[in-house]
C-alpha atoms as a PDB file:
ATOM      1  CA  MET A   1     104.418 201.251 193.645  1.00  0.00           C
ATOM      2  CA  VAL A   2     103.551 198.084 195.801  1.00  0.00           C
ATOM      3  CA  ARG A   3      99.924 198.519 194.772  1.00  0.00           C
ATOM      4  CA  ASP A   4     100.753 198.706 191.141  1.00  0.00           C
ATOM      5  CA  ALA A   5     103.052 195.660 191.392  1.00  0.00           C
ATOM      6  CA  LEU A   6     100.399 193.651 193.132  1.00  0.00           C
ATOM      7  CA  GLY A   7      97.835 194.697 190.499  1.00  0.00           C
ATOM      8  CA  VAL A   8      99.956 193.388 187.779  1.00  0.00           C
ATOM      9  CA  GLY A   9     100.720 190.250 189.652  1.00  0.00           C
ATOM     10  CA  VAL A  10      97.013 189.419 190.343  1.00  0.00           C
ATOM     11  CA  ALA A  11      95.702 190.455 186.859  1.00  0.00           C
ATOM     12  CA  VAL A  12      98.187 188.273 184.975  1.00  0.00           C
ATOM     13  CA  GLY A  13      98.304 185.517 187.626  1.00  0.00           C
ATOM     14  CA  LEU A  14      94.578 184.792 187.133  1.00  0.00           C
ATOM     15  CA  SER A  15      95.263 183.781 183.492  1.00  0.00           C
ATOM     16  CA  GLY A  16      97.141 180.666 184.788  1.00  0.00           C
ATOM     17  CA  PHE A  17      93.691 179.042 185.123  1.00  0.00           C
ATOM     18  CA  ALA A  18      93.427 179.197 181.300  1.00  0.00           C
ATOM     19  CA  PHE A  19      96.757 177.759 180.934  1.00  0.00           C
ATOM     20  CA  GLY A  20      95.841 174.880 183.238  1.00  0.00           C
ATOM     21  CA  VAL A  21      92.713 174.147 181.321  1.00  0.00           C
ATOM     22  CA  THR A  22      94.484 174.400 177.880  1.00  0.00           C
ATOM     23  CA  SER A  23      97.416 172.253 179.135  1.00  0.00           C
ATOM     24  CA  ALA A  24      95.124 169.476 180.489  1.00  0.00           C
ATOM     25  CA  GLY A  25      93.047 169.637 177.387  1.00  0.00           C
ATOM     26  CA  SER A  26      96.191 169.104 175.191  1.00  0.00           C
ATOM     27  CA  GLY A  27      96.833 165.782 176.930  1.00  0.00           C
ATOM     28  CA  LEU A  28      99.252 166.753 179.780  1.00  0.00           C
ATOM     29  CA  THR A  29      98.605 165.489 183.179  1.00  0.00           C
ATOM     30  CA  VAL A  30      97.980 167.672 186.165  1.00  0.00           C
ATOM     31  CA  LEU A  31     101.492 166.923 187.482  1.00  0.00           C
ATOM     32  CA  GLN A  32     103.033 167.753 184.089  1.00  0.00           C
ATOM     33  CA  THR A  33     101.028 170.980 183.815  1.00  0.00           C
ATOM     34  CA  CYS A  34     101.901 172.204 187.311  1.00  0.00           C
ATOM     35  CA  ALA A  35     105.598 171.229 186.822  1.00  0.00           C
ATOM     36  CA  LEU A  36     105.653 173.575 183.647  1.00  0.00           C
ATOM     37  CA  SER A  37     104.400 176.487 185.629  1.00  0.00           C
ATOM     38  CA  LEU A  38     106.579 175.804 188.569  1.00  0.00           C
ATOM     39  CA  LEU A  39     109.832 175.288 186.521  1.00  0.00           C
ATOM     40  CA  ALA A  40     109.361 177.218 183.324  1.00  0.00           C
ATOM     41  CA  PHE A  41     107.182 180.165 184.500  1.00  0.00           C
ATOM     42  CA  THR A  42     107.045 181.975 181.126  1.00  0.00           C
ATOM     43  CA  GLY A  43     103.438 182.327 180.352  1.00  0.00           C
ATOM     44  CA  ALA A  44     103.564 182.949 176.489  1.00  0.00           C
ATOM     45  CA  SER A  45     106.130 180.164 176.054  1.00  0.00           C
ATOM     46  CA  GLN A  46     103.980 177.715 178.121  1.00  0.00           C
ATOM     47  CA  PHE A  47     100.970 178.483 175.929  1.00  0.00           C
ATOM     48  CA  ALA A  48     103.095 178.087 172.768  1.00  0.00           C
ATOM     49  CA  LEU A  49     104.311 174.634 173.983  1.00  0.00           C
ATOM     50  CA  VAL A  50     100.852 173.215 174.905  1.00  0.00           C
ATOM     51  CA  GLY A  51      99.377 174.841 171.848  1.00  0.00           C
ATOM     52  CA  ALA A  52     101.873 173.086 169.567  1.00  0.00           C
ATOM     53  CA  LEU A  53     101.158 169.777 171.374  1.00  0.00           C
ATOM     54  CA  ALA A  54      97.393 170.181 170.995  1.00  0.00           C
ATOM     55  CA  GLY A  55      97.851 170.854 167.344  1.00  0.00           C
ATOM     56  CA  GLY A  56      99.708 167.601 166.894  1.00  0.00           C
ATOM     57  CA  GLY A  57     103.289 168.795 166.962  1.00  0.00           C
ATOM     58  CA  SER A  58     106.034 166.625 168.297  1.00  0.00           C
ATOM     59  CA  PRO A  59     107.286 167.321 171.854  1.00  0.00           C
ATOM     60  CA  LEU A  60     110.635 168.297 170.343  1.00  0.00           C
ATOM     61  CA  THR A  61     109.271 170.881 167.897  1.00  0.00           C
ATOM     62  CA  ALA A  62     106.980 172.254 170.561  1.00  0.00           C
ATOM     63  CA  SER A  63     109.807 172.573 173.076  1.00  0.00           C
ATOM     64  CA  VAL A  64     112.041 174.400 170.458  1.00  0.00           C
ATOM     65  CA  GLY A  65     109.385 176.874 169.741  1.00  0.00           C
ATOM     66  CA  ALA A  66     108.866 177.531 173.454  1.00  0.00           C
ATOM     67  CA  VAL A  67     112.574 177.951 174.100  1.00  0.00           C
ATOM     68  CA  PHE A  68     112.970 180.293 171.136  1.00  0.00           C
ATOM     69  CA  LEU A  69     110.118 182.430 172.424  1.00  0.00           C
ATOM     70  CA  SER A  70     111.505 182.628 175.936  1.00  0.00           C
ATOM     71  CA  MET A  71     114.855 183.805 174.792  1.00  0.00           C
ATOM     72  CA  ARG A  72     113.619 187.435 175.084  1.00  0.00           C
ATOM     73  CA  ASN A  73     113.955 186.956 178.913  1.00  0.00           C
ATOM     74  CA  ALA A  74     117.778 186.736 178.451  1.00  0.00           C
ATOM     75  CA  PHE A  75     117.738 190.380 176.915  1.00  0.00           C
ATOM     76  CA  TYR A  76     115.499 191.506 179.814  1.00  0.00           C
ATOM     77  CA  GLY A  77     118.051 190.028 182.221  1.00  0.00           C
ATOM     78  CA  LEU A  78     120.869 192.073 180.800  1.00  0.00           C
ATOM     79  CA  ARG A  79     119.002 195.351 181.486  1.00  0.00           C
ATOM     80  CA  LEU A  80     117.694 194.238 184.898  1.00  0.00           C
ATOM     81  CA  SER A  81     121.012 192.997 186.162  1.00  0.00           C
ATOM     82  CA  GLN A  82     122.171 196.667 185.995  1.00  0.00           C
ATOM     83  CA  LEU A  83     119.120 198.138 187.509  1.00  0.00           C
ATOM     84  CA  LEU A  84     118.809 195.550 190.429  1.00  0.00           C
ATOM     85  CA  ALA A  85     122.605 195.084 191.123  1.00  0.00           C
ATOM     86  CA  LEU A  86     121.830 191.979 193.241  1.00  0.00           C
ATOM     87  CA  PRO A  87     124.316 189.921 195.205  1.00  0.00           C
ATOM     88  CA  ARG A  88     125.662 187.025 193.301  1.00  0.00           C
ATOM     89  CA  ALA A  89     124.098 184.525 195.766  1.00  0.00           C
ATOM     90  CA  VAL A  90     120.598 185.536 194.919  1.00  0.00           C
ATOM     91  CA  ARG A  91     121.041 186.199 191.085  1.00  0.00           C
ATOM     92  CA  PRO A  92     120.091 182.526 190.127  1.00  0.00           C
ATOM     93  CA  LEU A  93     116.846 182.741 192.039  1.00  0.00           C
ATOM     94  CA  ALA A  94     116.034 186.233 190.768  1.00  0.00           C
ATOM     95  CA  ALA A  95     116.700 184.981 187.149  1.00  0.00           C
ATOM     96  CA  HIS A  96     113.665 182.794 187.559  1.00  0.00           C
ATOM     97  CA  PHE A  97     111.390 185.795 187.836  1.00  0.00           C
ATOM     98  CA  VAL A  98     112.808 187.645 184.857  1.00  0.00           C
ATOM     99  CA  ILE A  99     109.664 187.788 182.671  1.00  0.00           C
ATOM    100  CA  ASP A 100     107.636 190.468 180.880  1.00  0.00           C
ATOM    101  CA  GLU A 101     105.696 191.716 183.813  1.00  0.00           C
ATOM    102  CA  THR A 102     108.480 192.079 186.347  1.00  0.00           C
ATOM    103  CA  THR A 103     110.603 193.831 183.655  1.00  0.00           C
ATOM    104  CA  ALA A 104     107.848 196.322 182.897  1.00  0.00           C
ATOM    105  CA  VAL A 105     107.241 197.064 186.545  1.00  0.00           C
ATOM    106  CA  SER A 106     110.933 197.418 187.166  1.00  0.00           C
ATOM    107  CA  LEU A 107     111.588 199.841 184.374  1.00  0.00           C
ATOM    108  CA  ALA A 108     108.797 202.055 185.463  1.00  0.00           C
ATOM    109  CA  GLN A 109     110.449 202.759 188.850  1.00  0.00           C
ATOM    110  CA  SER A 110     113.114 205.254 189.794  1.00  0.00           C
ATOM    111  CA  GLY A 111     115.874 204.420 192.203  1.00  0.00           C
ATOM    112  CA  ARG A 112     117.304 201.082 192.981  1.00  0.00           C
ATOM    113  CA  ARG A 113     115.294 200.406 196.030  1.00  0.00           C
ATOM    114  CA  ALA A 114     112.002 201.071 194.185  1.00  0.00           C
ATOM    115  CA  VAL A 115     113.156 198.806 191.299  1.00  0.00           C
ATOM    116  CA  ARG A 116     114.046 195.987 193.726  1.00  0.00           C
ATOM    117  CA  ILE A 117     110.662 196.164 195.521  1.00  0.00           C
ATOM    118  CA  GLY A 118     108.698 196.445 192.268  1.00  0.00           C
ATOM    119  CA  PHE A 119     110.547 193.426 190.919  1.00  0.00           C
ATOM    120  CA  ALA A 120     110.136 191.319 193.999  1.00  0.00           C
ATOM    121  CA  VAL A 121     106.541 192.061 194.670  1.00  0.00           C
ATOM    122  CA  THR A 122     105.398 191.598 190.979  1.00  0.00           C
ATOM    123  CA  GLY A 123     107.505 188.282 190.707  1.00  0.00           C
ATOM    124  CA  ILE A 124     106.380 186.684 193.905  1.00  0.00           C
ATOM    125  CA  SER A 125     102.700 187.609 193.746  1.00  0.00           C
ATOM    126  CA  LEU A 126     102.555 186.560 190.115  1.00  0.00           C
ATOM    127  CA  TYR A 127     104.347 183.252 190.717  1.00  0.00           C
ATOM    128  CA  LEU A 128     102.171 182.204 193.581  1.00  0.00           C
ATOM    129  CA  LEU A 129      98.871 183.112 191.902  1.00  0.00           C
ATOM    130  CA  TRP A 130      99.909 181.779 188.510  1.00  0.00           C
ATOM    131  CA  ASN A 131     100.828 178.316 189.952  1.00  0.00           C
ATOM    132  CA  LEU A 132      97.730 178.224 192.125  1.00  0.00           C
ATOM    133  CA  THR A 133      95.323 178.991 189.283  1.00  0.00           C
ATOM    134  CA  THR A 134      97.291 176.543 187.104  1.00  0.00           C
ATOM    135  CA  LEU A 135      96.550 173.778 189.328  1.00  0.00           C
ATOM    136  CA  LEU A 136      92.833 174.760 189.627  1.00  0.00           C
ATOM    137  CA  GLY A 137      92.469 174.975 185.907  1.00  0.00           C
ATOM    138  CA  ALA A 138      94.061 171.606 185.416  1.00  0.00           C
ATOM    139  CA  LEU A 139      91.844 170.043 187.951  1.00  0.00           C
ATOM    140  CA  GLY A 140      88.831 171.830 186.482  1.00  0.00           C
ATOM    141  CA  ALA A 141      89.653 170.581 183.086  1.00  0.00           C
ATOM    142  CA  GLU A 142      89.667 166.922 184.297  1.00  0.00           C
ATOM    143  CA  ALA A 143      86.389 167.410 186.025  1.00  0.00           C
ATOM    144  CA  ILE A 144      84.511 168.809 182.919  1.00  0.00           C
ATOM    145  CA  GLY A 145      85.968 166.154 180.700  1.00  0.00           C
ATOM    146  CA  ASP A 146      86.470 167.219 177.009  1.00  0.00           C
ATOM    147  CA  THR A 147      87.502 170.896 177.032  1.00  0.00           C
ATOM    148  CA  ASP A 148      86.554 171.239 173.345  1.00  0.00           C
ATOM    149  CA  THR A 149      82.948 170.621 174.099  1.00  0.00           C
ATOM    150  CA  TRP A 150      82.949 173.701 176.258  1.00  0.00           C
ATOM    151  CA  GLY A 151      84.930 175.838 173.826  1.00  0.00           C
ATOM    152  CA  LEU A 152      87.861 175.973 176.198  1.00  0.00           C
ATOM    153  CA  ASP A 153      90.319 174.831 173.441  1.00  0.00           C
ATOM    154  CA  ALA A 154      90.291 178.562 172.363  1.00  0.00           C
ATOM    155  CA  ALA A 155      91.248 179.847 175.984  1.00  0.00           C
ATOM    156  CA  GLY A 156      95.008 179.258 175.185  1.00  0.00           C
ATOM    157  CA  PRO A 157      95.198 181.222 172.014  1.00  0.00           C
ATOM    158  CA  ALA A 158      93.038 183.936 173.433  1.00  0.00           C
ATOM    159  CA  VAL A 159      95.294 184.637 176.456  1.00  0.00           C
ATOM    160  CA  PHE A 160      98.314 184.245 174.274  1.00  0.00           C
ATOM    161  CA  LEU A 161      97.153 186.998 172.032  1.00  0.00           C
ATOM    162  CA  ALA A 162      96.091 189.089 175.027  1.00  0.00           C
ATOM    163  CA  LEU A 163      99.557 188.854 176.438  1.00  0.00           C
ATOM    164  CA  LEU A 164     101.230 189.794 173.143  1.00  0.00           C
ATOM    165  CA  ALA A 165      98.950 192.528 171.867  1.00  0.00           C
ATOM    166  CA  PRO A 166     100.118 195.274 174.368  1.00  0.00           C
ATOM    167  CA  MET A 167     103.772 194.723 173.081  1.00  0.00           C
ATOM    168  CA  VAL A 168     102.865 195.536 169.533  1.00  0.00           C
ATOM    169  CA  ARG A 169     103.059 199.275 169.456  1.00  0.00           C
ATOM    170  CA  THR A 170     105.411 200.568 166.644  1.00  0.00           C
ATOM    171  CA  ALA A 171     104.938 200.347 162.854  1.00  0.00           C
ATOM    172  CA  THR A 172     108.000 197.830 162.863  1.00  0.00           C
ATOM    173  CA  GLU A 173     106.341 195.653 165.412  1.00  0.00           C
ATOM    174  CA  ARG A 174     103.009 195.564 163.627  1.00  0.00           C
ATOM    175  CA  ALA A 175     104.897 194.683 160.402  1.00  0.00           C
ATOM    176  CA  VAL A 176     106.560 191.870 162.027  1.00  0.00           C
ATOM    177  CA  ALA A 177     103.257 190.652 163.702  1.00  0.00           C
ATOM    178  CA  ALA A 178     101.471 190.845 160.226  1.00  0.00           C
ATOM    179  CA  ILE A 179     104.178 188.986 158.309  1.00  0.00           C
ATOM    180  CA  ALA A 180     104.489 186.323 161.099  1.00  0.00           C
ATOM    181  CA  VAL A 181     100.699 185.704 160.901  1.00  0.00           C
ATOM    182  CA  LEU A 182     100.971 185.346 157.106  1.00  0.00           C
ATOM    183  CA  LEU A 183     103.917 183.031 157.348  1.00  0.00           C
ATOM    184  CA  GLY A 184     102.257 180.867 159.978  1.00  0.00           C
ATOM    185  CA  LEU A 185      98.925 180.443 158.291  1.00  0.00           C
ATOM    186  CA  GLY A 186     100.465 180.128 154.824  1.00  0.00           C
ATOM    187  CA  LEU A 187     102.719 177.252 155.884  1.00  0.00           C
ATOM    188  CA  LEU A 188     100.167 175.287 157.782  1.00  0.00           C
ATOM    189  CA  SER A 189      99.301 173.139 154.788  1.00  0.00           C
ATOM    190  CA  VAL A 190     102.778 172.354 153.706  1.00  0.00           C
ATOM    191  CA  LEU A 191     104.880 171.922 156.873  1.00  0.00           C
ATOM    192  CA  PRO A 192     104.502 169.498 159.823  1.00  0.00           C
ATOM    193  CA  GLN A 193     102.524 170.658 162.880  1.00  0.00           C
ATOM    194  CA  GLY A 194     104.462 172.925 165.050  1.00  0.00           C
ATOM    195  CA  VAL A 195     106.940 173.964 162.440  1.00  0.00           C
ATOM    196  CA  PRO A 196     104.980 176.937 160.953  1.00  0.00           C
ATOM    197  CA  VAL A 197     105.247 178.750 164.302  1.00  0.00           C
ATOM    198  CA  LEU A 198     108.965 178.532 164.072  1.00  0.00           C
ATOM    199  CA  ALA A 199     109.092 179.565 160.528  1.00  0.00           C
ATOM    200  CA  ALA A 200     106.949 182.590 161.428  1.00  0.00           C
ATOM    201  CA  ALA A 201     110.121 183.880 163.386  1.00  0.00           C
ATOM    202  CA  LEU A 202     111.531 184.679 159.975  1.00  0.00           C
ATOM    203  CA  ALA A 203     109.374 187.805 160.024  1.00  0.00           C
ATOM    204  CA  VAL A 204     111.904 189.407 162.317  1.00  0.00           C
ATOM    205  CA  PRO A 205     114.888 189.451 160.097  1.00  0.00           C
ATOM    206  CA  MET A 206     112.753 190.101 157.057  1.00  0.00           C
ATOM    207  CA  VAL A 207     111.396 193.323 158.482  1.00  0.00           C
ATOM    208  CA  LEU A 208     114.707 194.417 160.022  1.00  0.00           C
ATOM    209  CA  TYR A 209     116.319 193.938 156.568  1.00  0.00           C
ATOM    210  CA  GLY A 210     113.608 196.163 155.033  1.00  0.00           C
ATOM    211  CA  VAL A 211     114.060 198.812 157.721  1.00  0.00           C
ATOM    212  CA  GLY A 212     117.731 198.792 157.239  1.00  0.00           C
ATOM    213  CA  ARG A 213     117.591 199.164 153.477  1.00  0.00           C
ATOM    214  CA  LYS A 214     115.120 202.073 154.001  1.00  0.00           C
ATOM    215  CA  ALA A 215     117.386 203.893 156.397  1.00  0.00           C
ATOM    216  CA  SER A 216     120.420 203.528 154.184  1.00  0.00           C
ATOM    217  CA  ALA A 217     118.674 204.536 150.934  1.00  0.00           C
ATOM    218  CA  PRO A 218     119.694 208.102 149.802  1.00  0.00           C
ATOM    219  CA  GLU A 219     116.881 210.664 149.867  1.00  0.00           C
ATOM    220  CA  ALA A 220     115.178 210.847 146.576  1.00  0.00           C
ATOM    221  CA  ASP A 221     114.332 214.545 146.931  1.00  0.00           C
ATOM    222  CA  GLY A 222     117.518 215.789 148.419  1.00  0.00           C
ATOM    223  CA  PRO A 223     119.084 219.128 147.649  1.00  0.00           C
ATOM    224  CA  LYS A 224     120.560 219.708 144.240  1.00  0.00           C
ATOM    225  CA  PRO A 225     124.293 219.974 143.885  1.00  0.00           C
ATOM    226  CA  HIS A 226     125.711 223.476 143.370  1.00  0.00           C
ATOM    227  CA  SER A 227     127.955 224.450 140.442  1.00  0.00           C
ATOM    228  CA  THR A 228     131.312 226.030 140.898  1.00  0.00           C
ATOM    229  CA  ASP A 229     129.982 229.464 140.305  1.00  0.00           C
ATOM    230  CA  GLY A 230     127.642 229.303 143.262  1.00  0.00           C
ATOM    231  CA  THR A 231     124.446 228.800 141.325  1.00  0.00           C
ATOM    232  CA  THR A 232     122.449 225.547 141.328  1.00  0.00           C
ATOM    233  CA  SER A 233     122.558 223.345 138.311  1.00  0.00           C
ATOM    234  CA  ASN A 234     118.775 223.819 137.639  1.00  0.00           C
ATOM    235  CA  SER A 235     118.503 227.575 138.577  1.00  0.00           C
ATOM    236  CA  THR A 236     116.289 229.691 136.346  1.00  0.00           C
ATOM    237  CA  GLN A 237     117.047 233.040 134.863  1.00  0.00           C
ATOM    238  CA  GLY A 238     115.960 235.904 137.025  1.00  0.00           C
ATOM    239  CA  LYS A 239     113.594 238.533 135.699  1.00  0.00           C
ATOM    240  CA  ASP A 240     115.136 241.767 134.098  1.00  0.00           C
ATOM    241  CA  ARG A 241     114.985 244.693 136.376  1.00  0.00           C
END
């Protein structure tokens, strides 16, 4: 359990280097980049924020998109609060570590003690390594100069997709992802920078509406109604014996 938790923390924590490079390349200072990792600590949302800024979006639009994306952690917290059952005094601190990875490791455990250990080991190891590699990435980006020259401008989107790809498993999730991509790309030329990524969120209610309609629709090939004499309305005559 501890080994698995450390493995997740180390594997994901190393991607903080890509965030540091991407953030510095988008115009943020080393201090601003490190502050984001220290205070926000939501990898996908951080990449979304600096990606929108790098694309020319306003800080307000970029922040709204990042906050919207990080709202998933609130739903994680509802489930983890039952599993962890932590004292009230430590809940605010623990809330800072409610992210995709700690949730996944915690849900994979059985027993409250195992859940708490998995959550703590994953959260602490990932937080420490993520912030360390963020600092190294930001410093490295300043040292090499223009990140676009080295192709490092693609690091952020690549890691962002790598974080999201394992979450897309069901047909519904794949439909949401496909429609979101179409909306985002299709609106790039007609909406201000940073707004298409917000509009792409409309894929969720669109797909859920379609799924709901499909589930409530009557079966086209359902059983035929029976007549009062016990025979079906479309029954055929039996053969003469």
